[in-house]
Amino acid sequence: MIAYAISEPSVLKKDIDGYLSYLAKNCDIFLYRDKHNPNYQKSAEEILKKSKRYGIKKLFLHSDIDTAYSLNADGIHLTSSQFDDISYAKKKSLFTVISTHSIDDIIKAEQKGVDMVTLSPIFPSPNKGNPLGTEYLKEAISISKIPIIALGGIISQKEIDDIKKIGAYGFASIRYFIPSYLY
């Protein structure tokens, strides 16, 4: 099962080296996401260099295809409003993930050639609306031809075990990947 860590900007500011070292041991993919950083490209370049030093397996950038391409990131994670950008990301030879929130979104993403999707929220998660639940995830997995990463409210091994039982390709989380000493 793929472990997909999504960055928490405040944690990066507290202890970037400790956080990246921790992620290198605990995730397969690290998504550097910082929606409110006006210097995202420069920060992404620094994060990419440090991530490689710490041995993070794969680093994806968030929504900025040109930056991901120019920095030679391993992939791009597009927002749910970027379906029309999938073909551009694929032309840049980037492994492409998009955020989805329904089975219809997943089907649309498949048709546009995306490599993988996140589906969220599966479990209760702050400010993310009603959770879809594991039965909905199970239905999506049975229909989808591409890997689905469960996202939303995954904070412990219990949620991971629940989605693993139904065949999710992996799980993504912010909170699960924050070491306790950084809270």
C-alpha atoms as a PDB file:
ATOM      1  CA  MET A   1       0.000   0.000   0.000  1.00  0.00           C
ATOM      2  CA  ILE A   2       1.369   3.393  -1.055  1.00  0.00           C
ATOM      3  CA  ALA A   3       1.933   5.901   1.754  1.00  0.00           C
ATOM      4  CA  TYR A   4       1.446   9.421   0.340  1.00  0.00           C
ATOM      5  CA  ALA A   5       2.452  12.261   2.661  1.00  0.00           C
ATOM      6  CA  ILE A   6       1.095  15.754   2.056  1.00  0.00           C
ATOM      7  CA  SER A   7       3.132  18.582   3.521  1.00  0.00           C
ATOM      8  CA  GLU A   8       1.997  20.773   6.345  1.00  0.00           C
ATOM      9  CA  PRO A   9       3.633  24.204   5.788  1.00  0.00           C
ATOM     10  CA  SER A  10       3.778  25.064   9.492  1.00  0.00           C
ATOM     11  CA  VAL A  11       5.703  21.850  10.208  1.00  0.00           C
ATOM     12  CA  LEU A  12       8.168  22.604   7.415  1.00  0.00           C
ATOM     13  CA  LYS A  13       8.819  25.985   9.039  1.00  0.00           C
ATOM     14  CA  LYS A  14       9.371  24.445  12.490  1.00  0.00           C
ATOM     15  CA  ASP A  15      11.869  21.734  11.543  1.00  0.00           C
ATOM     16  CA  ILE A  16      12.325  21.114   7.834  1.00  0.00           C
ATOM     17  CA  ASP A  17      15.267  18.751   8.268  1.00  0.00           C
ATOM     18  CA  GLY A  18      13.682  16.637  10.991  1.00  0.00           C
ATOM     19  CA  TYR A  19      10.379  16.483   9.086  1.00  0.00           C
ATOM     20  CA  LEU A  20      11.989  15.427   5.793  1.00  0.00           C
ATOM     21  CA  SER A  21      14.146  12.861   7.573  1.00  0.00           C
ATOM     22  CA  TYR A  22      11.007  11.420   9.183  1.00  0.00           C
ATOM     23  CA  LEU A  23       9.142  11.344   5.854  1.00  0.00           C
ATOM     24  CA  ALA A  24      12.015   9.544   4.129  1.00  0.00           C
ATOM     25  CA  LYS A  25      11.455   6.630   6.513  1.00  0.00           C
ATOM     26  CA  ASN A  26       7.657   6.700   6.476  1.00  0.00           C
ATOM     27  CA  CYS A  27       6.308   7.515   3.023  1.00  0.00           C
ATOM     28  CA  ASP A  28       6.604   6.433  -0.591  1.00  0.00           C
ATOM     29  CA  ILE A  29       5.540   9.766  -2.088  1.00  0.00           C
ATOM     30  CA  PHE A  30       5.838  13.243  -0.615  1.00  0.00           C
ATOM     31  CA  LEU A  31       3.611  16.006  -1.976  1.00  0.00           C
ATOM     32  CA  TYR A  32       4.983  19.470  -1.349  1.00  0.00           C
ATOM     33  CA  ARG A  33       1.883  21.640  -1.085  1.00  0.00           C
ATOM     34  CA  ASP A  34       1.907  25.188   0.217  1.00  0.00           C
ATOM     35  CA  LYS A  35      -1.083  26.994  -1.274  1.00  0.00           C
ATOM     36  CA  HIS A  36      -0.314  30.375   0.269  1.00  0.00           C
ATOM     37  CA  ASN A  37       3.418  30.635  -0.397  1.00  0.00           C
ATOM     38  CA  PRO A  38       4.144  33.506  -2.821  1.00  0.00           C
ATOM     39  CA  ASN A  39       7.628  32.013  -3.350  1.00  0.00           C
ATOM     40  CA  TYR A  40       6.431  28.477  -4.052  1.00  0.00           C
ATOM     41  CA  GLN A  41       8.846  27.853  -6.922  1.00  0.00           C
ATOM     42  CA  LYS A  42      11.898  28.828  -4.875  1.00  0.00           C
ATOM     43  CA  SER A  43      10.679  26.861  -1.854  1.00  0.00           C
ATOM     44  CA  ALA A  44       9.926  23.842  -4.070  1.00  0.00           C
ATOM     45  CA  GLU A  45      13.476  23.921  -5.379  1.00  0.00           C
ATOM     46  CA  GLU A  46      14.856  23.892  -1.810  1.00  0.00           C
ATOM     47  CA  ILE A  47      12.452  21.140  -0.708  1.00  0.00           C
ATOM     48  CA  LEU A  48      13.366  19.051  -3.751  1.00  0.00           C
ATOM     49  CA  LYS A  49      17.104  19.283  -3.027  1.00  0.00           C
ATOM     50  CA  LYS A  50      16.675  18.476   0.659  1.00  0.00           C
ATOM     51  CA  SER A  51      14.238  15.645  -0.075  1.00  0.00           C
ATOM     52  CA  LYS A  52      16.795  13.971  -2.310  1.00  0.00           C
ATOM     53  CA  ARG A  53      19.462  14.355   0.371  1.00  0.00           C
ATOM     54  CA  TYR A  54      17.235  12.641   2.909  1.00  0.00           C
ATOM     55  CA  GLY A  55      16.301   9.862   0.503  1.00  0.00           C
ATOM     56  CA  ILE A  56      12.627  10.617  -0.034  1.00  0.00           C
ATOM     57  CA  LYS A  57      11.567   8.172  -2.739  1.00  0.00           C
ATOM     58  CA  LYS A  58       9.364  10.458  -4.858  1.00  0.00           C
ATOM     59  CA  LEU A  59       8.529  14.146  -4.630  1.00  0.00           C
ATOM     60  CA  PHE A  60       5.436  15.593  -6.281  1.00  0.00           C
ATOM     61  CA  LEU A  61       4.601  19.275  -6.529  1.00  0.00           C
ATOM     62  CA  HIS A  62       1.161  20.796  -6.173  1.00  0.00           C
ATOM     63  CA  SER A  63      -0.780  22.249  -9.107  1.00  0.00           C
ATOM     64  CA  ASP A  64       2.141  24.119 -10.784  1.00  0.00           C
ATOM     65  CA  ILE A  65       2.969  21.969 -13.812  1.00  0.00           C
ATOM     66  CA  ASP A  66       5.692  24.218 -15.193  1.00  0.00           C
ATOM     67  CA  THR A  67       7.536  24.334 -11.875  1.00  0.00           C
ATOM     68  CA  ALA A  68       7.275  20.548 -11.481  1.00  0.00           C
ATOM     69  CA  TYR A  69       8.654  20.102 -14.983  1.00  0.00           C
ATOM     70  CA  SER A  70      11.455  22.689 -14.669  1.00  0.00           C
ATOM     71  CA  LEU A  71      12.619  21.268 -11.327  1.00  0.00           C
ATOM     72  CA  ASN A  72      12.412  17.686 -12.587  1.00  0.00           C
ATOM     73  CA  ALA A  73       9.967  16.633  -9.873  1.00  0.00           C
ATOM     74  CA  ASP A  74       8.709  13.061  -9.987  1.00  0.00           C
ATOM     75  CA  GLY A  75       5.122  14.142 -10.520  1.00  0.00           C
ATOM     76  CA  ILE A  76       2.360  16.671 -10.172  1.00  0.00           C
ATOM     77  CA  HIS A  77      -0.757  16.637  -8.011  1.00  0.00           C
ATOM     78  CA  LEU A  78      -3.510  18.699  -9.606  1.00  0.00           C
ATOM     79  CA  THR A  79      -6.467  20.216  -7.789  1.00  0.00           C
ATOM     80  CA  SER A  80     -10.035  19.168  -8.520  1.00  0.00           C
ATOM     81  CA  SER A  81     -10.421  22.290 -10.664  1.00  0.00           C
ATOM     82  CA  GLN A  82      -7.536  21.337 -13.001  1.00  0.00           C
ATOM     83  CA  PHE A  83      -9.036  18.507 -15.075  1.00  0.00           C
ATOM     84  CA  ASP A  84      -8.306  20.461 -18.264  1.00  0.00           C
ATOM     85  CA  ASP A  85      -4.604  20.565 -17.309  1.00  0.00           C
ATOM     86  CA  ILE A  86      -4.133  16.786 -17.245  1.00  0.00           C
ATOM     87  CA  SER A  87      -3.122  16.560 -20.917  1.00  0.00           C
ATOM     88  CA  TYR A  88      -0.580  19.374 -20.470  1.00  0.00           C
ATOM     89  CA  ALA A  89       0.989  17.601 -17.479  1.00  0.00           C
ATOM     90  CA  LYS A  90       1.139  14.350 -19.446  1.00  0.00           C
ATOM     91  CA  LYS A  91       2.819  16.147 -22.392  1.00  0.00           C
ATOM     92  CA  LYS A  92       5.486  17.245 -19.907  1.00  0.00           C
ATOM     93  CA  SER A  93       5.972  13.540 -19.026  1.00  0.00           C
ATOM     94  CA  LEU A  94       4.930  14.088 -15.415  1.00  0.00           C
ATOM     95  CA  PHE A  95       3.308  11.342 -13.379  1.00  0.00           C
ATOM     96  CA  THR A  96      -0.075  12.966 -12.856  1.00  0.00           C
ATOM     97  CA  VAL A  97      -2.410  12.720  -9.882  1.00  0.00           C
ATOM     98  CA  ILE A  98      -5.630  14.682  -9.477  1.00  0.00           C
ATOM     99  CA  SER A  99      -7.872  15.256  -6.475  1.00  0.00           C
ATOM    100  CA  THR A 100     -11.340  13.773  -6.907  1.00  0.00           C
ATOM    101  CA  HIS A 101     -14.441  13.860  -4.759  1.00  0.00           C
ATOM    102  CA  SER A 102     -16.804  11.498  -6.588  1.00  0.00           C
ATOM    103  CA  ILE A 103     -16.953   8.477  -8.852  1.00  0.00           C
ATOM    104  CA  ASP A 104     -17.896  10.804 -11.717  1.00  0.00           C
ATOM    105  CA  ASP A 105     -14.665  12.746 -11.106  1.00  0.00           C
ATOM    106  CA  ILE A 106     -12.668   9.508 -11.198  1.00  0.00           C
ATOM    107  CA  ILE A 107     -14.231   8.470 -14.506  1.00  0.00           C
ATOM    108  CA  LYS A 108     -13.538  11.926 -15.964  1.00  0.00           C
ATOM    109  CA  ALA A 109      -9.904  11.734 -14.765  1.00  0.00           C
ATOM    110  CA  GLU A 110      -9.482   8.283 -16.335  1.00  0.00           C
ATOM    111  CA  GLN A 111     -10.836   9.548 -19.652  1.00  0.00           C
ATOM    112  CA  LYS A 112      -8.334  12.409 -19.606  1.00  0.00           C
ATOM    113  CA  GLY A 113      -5.402  10.033 -19.022  1.00  0.00           C
ATOM    114  CA  VAL A 114      -4.437  10.707 -15.397  1.00  0.00           C
ATOM    115  CA  ASP A 115      -2.147   8.144 -13.734  1.00  0.00           C
ATOM    116  CA  MET A 116      -3.721   8.075 -10.284  1.00  0.00           C
ATOM    117  CA  VAL A 117      -6.357   9.888  -8.200  1.00  0.00           C
ATOM    118  CA  THR A 118      -6.943  10.782  -4.606  1.00  0.00           C
ATOM    119  CA  LEU A 119     -10.530  10.377  -3.443  1.00  0.00           C
ATOM    120  CA  SER A 120     -11.632  12.452  -0.477  1.00  0.00           C
ATOM    121  CA  PRO A 121     -12.774  12.832   2.173  1.00  0.00           C
ATOM    122  CA  ILE A 122     -13.123   9.195   3.181  1.00  0.00           C
ATOM    123  CA  PHE A 123     -13.254   9.789   6.951  1.00  0.00           C
ATOM    124  CA  PRO A 124     -14.236  12.936   8.886  1.00  0.00           C
ATOM    125  CA  SER A 125     -11.674  15.654   8.273  1.00  0.00           C
ATOM    126  CA  PRO A 126     -11.698  19.296   9.436  1.00  0.00           C
ATOM    127  CA  ASN A 127     -13.405  21.661   6.968  1.00  0.00           C
ATOM    128  CA  LYS A 128     -13.815  18.982   4.262  1.00  0.00           C
ATOM    129  CA  GLY A 129     -17.554  18.333   4.416  1.00  0.00           C
ATOM    130  CA  ASN A 130     -19.311  15.030   4.924  1.00  0.00           C
ATOM    131  CA  PRO A 131     -17.082  11.977   4.571  1.00  0.00           C
ATOM    132  CA  LEU A 132     -17.722   9.638   1.637  1.00  0.00           C
ATOM    133  CA  GLY A 133     -17.076   6.565   3.757  1.00  0.00           C
ATOM    134  CA  THR A 134     -15.422   3.236   3.076  1.00  0.00           C
ATOM    135  CA  GLU A 135     -18.415   1.739   1.209  1.00  0.00           C
ATOM    136  CA  TYR A 136     -18.231   4.560  -1.336  1.00  0.00           C
ATOM    137  CA  LEU A 137     -14.477   4.037  -1.618  1.00  0.00           C
ATOM    138  CA  LYS A 138     -15.066   0.312  -2.170  1.00  0.00           C
ATOM    139  CA  GLU A 139     -17.565   1.072  -4.964  1.00  0.00           C
ATOM    140  CA  ALA A 140     -15.129   3.532  -6.585  1.00  0.00           C
ATOM    141  CA  ILE A 141     -12.337   0.940  -6.482  1.00  0.00           C
ATOM    142  CA  SER A 142     -14.579  -1.645  -8.150  1.00  0.00           C
ATOM    143  CA  ILE A 143     -15.358   0.739 -11.012  1.00  0.00           C
ATOM    144  CA  SER A 144     -11.998   2.446 -11.497  1.00  0.00           C
ATOM    145  CA  LYS A 145      -9.305   1.311 -13.908  1.00  0.00           C
ATOM    146  CA  ILE A 146      -6.665   3.498 -12.261  1.00  0.00           C
ATOM    147  CA  PRO A 147      -5.181   3.479  -8.747  1.00  0.00           C
ATOM    148  CA  ILE A 148      -7.157   5.255  -6.036  1.00  0.00           C
ATOM    149  CA  ILE A 149      -5.448   6.790  -3.028  1.00  0.00           C
ATOM    150  CA  ALA A 150      -7.816   7.305  -0.080  1.00  0.00           C
ATOM    151  CA  LEU A 151      -7.539  10.750   1.519  1.00  0.00           C
ATOM    152  CA  GLY A 152      -9.215  12.561   4.357  1.00  0.00           C
ATOM    153  CA  GLY A 153      -9.286  11.810   8.053  1.00  0.00           C
ATOM    154  CA  ILE A 154      -6.566   9.177   7.969  1.00  0.00           C
ATOM    155  CA  ILE A 155      -4.840   9.756  11.286  1.00  0.00           C
ATOM    156  CA  SER A 156      -4.107   6.271  12.629  1.00  0.00           C
ATOM    157  CA  GLN A 157      -3.422   2.681  11.677  1.00  0.00           C
ATOM    158  CA  LYS A 158      -7.133   1.910  12.136  1.00  0.00           C
ATOM    159  CA  GLU A 159      -8.154   3.993   9.100  1.00  0.00           C
ATOM    160  CA  ILE A 160      -5.285   2.529   7.088  1.00  0.00           C
ATOM    161  CA  ASP A 161      -6.386  -1.009   7.969  1.00  0.00           C
ATOM    162  CA  ASP A 162      -9.987  -0.165   7.004  1.00  0.00           C
ATOM    163  CA  ILE A 163      -9.064   1.062   3.525  1.00  0.00           C
ATOM    164  CA  LYS A 164      -6.493  -1.679   2.985  1.00  0.00           C
ATOM    165  CA  LYS A 165      -9.194  -4.338   3.537  1.00  0.00           C
ATOM    166  CA  ILE A 166     -11.238  -2.962   0.652  1.00  0.00           C
ATOM    167  CA  GLY A 167      -8.365  -2.699  -1.794  1.00  0.00           C
ATOM    168  CA  ALA A 168      -7.307   0.945  -1.870  1.00  0.00           C
ATOM    169  CA  TYR A 169      -4.025   1.385  -3.713  1.00  0.00           C
ATOM    170  CA  GLY A 170      -2.780   3.596  -0.914  1.00  0.00           C
ATOM    171  CA  PHE A 171      -3.551   6.347   1.545  1.00  0.00           C
ATOM    172  CA  ALA A 172      -2.689  10.022   1.706  1.00  0.00           C
ATOM    173  CA  SER A 173      -2.626  12.209   4.772  1.00  0.00           C
ATOM    174  CA  ILE A 174      -1.226  15.348   6.309  1.00  0.00           C
ATOM    175  CA  ARG A 175      -1.746  14.617  10.004  1.00  0.00           C
ATOM    176  CA  TYR A 176      -0.694  10.949   9.955  1.00  0.00           C
ATOM    177  CA  PHE A 177       2.774  11.974   8.770  1.00  0.00           C
ATOM    178  CA  ILE A 178       3.490  14.665  11.349  1.00  0.00           C
ATOM    179  CA  PRO A 179       5.871  13.330  13.999  1.00  0.00           C
ATOM    180  CA  SER A 180       4.513  13.785  17.520  1.00  0.00           C
ATOM    181  CA  TYR A 181       7.412  16.015  18.563  1.00  0.00           C
ATOM    182  CA  LEU A 182       6.292  18.602  15.983  1.00  0.00           C
ATOM    183  CA  TYR A 183       2.755  19.059  17.339  1.00  0.00           C
END
